Amino acid sequence: MNATVLVPAAGTGSRMGTGLNKQYLQLAGLPILIHTLLLFEKHPAVQQIIVISPQQEISYCRREVVERFGLRKVLAVVAGGAERQDSVRQGLQACPGSDGDIVLIHDGVRPLLPVELIDQVLARAAEVGGCVVGVPVKDTIK
């Protein structure tokens, strides 16, 4: 089984009100995106990672994330689209995949994914051909 991970990180985080896109904000001394990518970089079942970035940040992402932290599984950094679905499509088009390959899609600013859940998703997707992970919705109280 070959697993490719698409990591959409093309959002701007405009609601956060910072001058930096949220994927590059620091968490425990590292950009949030690095925490997410390291989950998959270290996972033995993941062969390759495709990062989906805003067009104008591709060089920055390659230099300051992929190269700076020595990520060897990152196959490409591709331009995202206007909407998340467009970005995912761009990532899928960049996949070199073949029959039987599994493609995981995981948001670049969600770094707290348990490794056990990655294992479960890979196993279930291999078993039945697909899998979606969800969490219960939490109401916001204002």
Foldseek 3Di string as FASTA:
>chain_A
DEEEEEAEQADQPVVVVDPGRQQQDDDPRGRLLQLQLVLQLPDPRYQAYEYEYAPVCQVVCCPVRCVVVVRPRYPYYHYADPDNVRRVVRVVVPDPDDPLYHYHYDYSNPNPDDSVVVVVQVVVCSVPVHDDDDDDDDDDDD
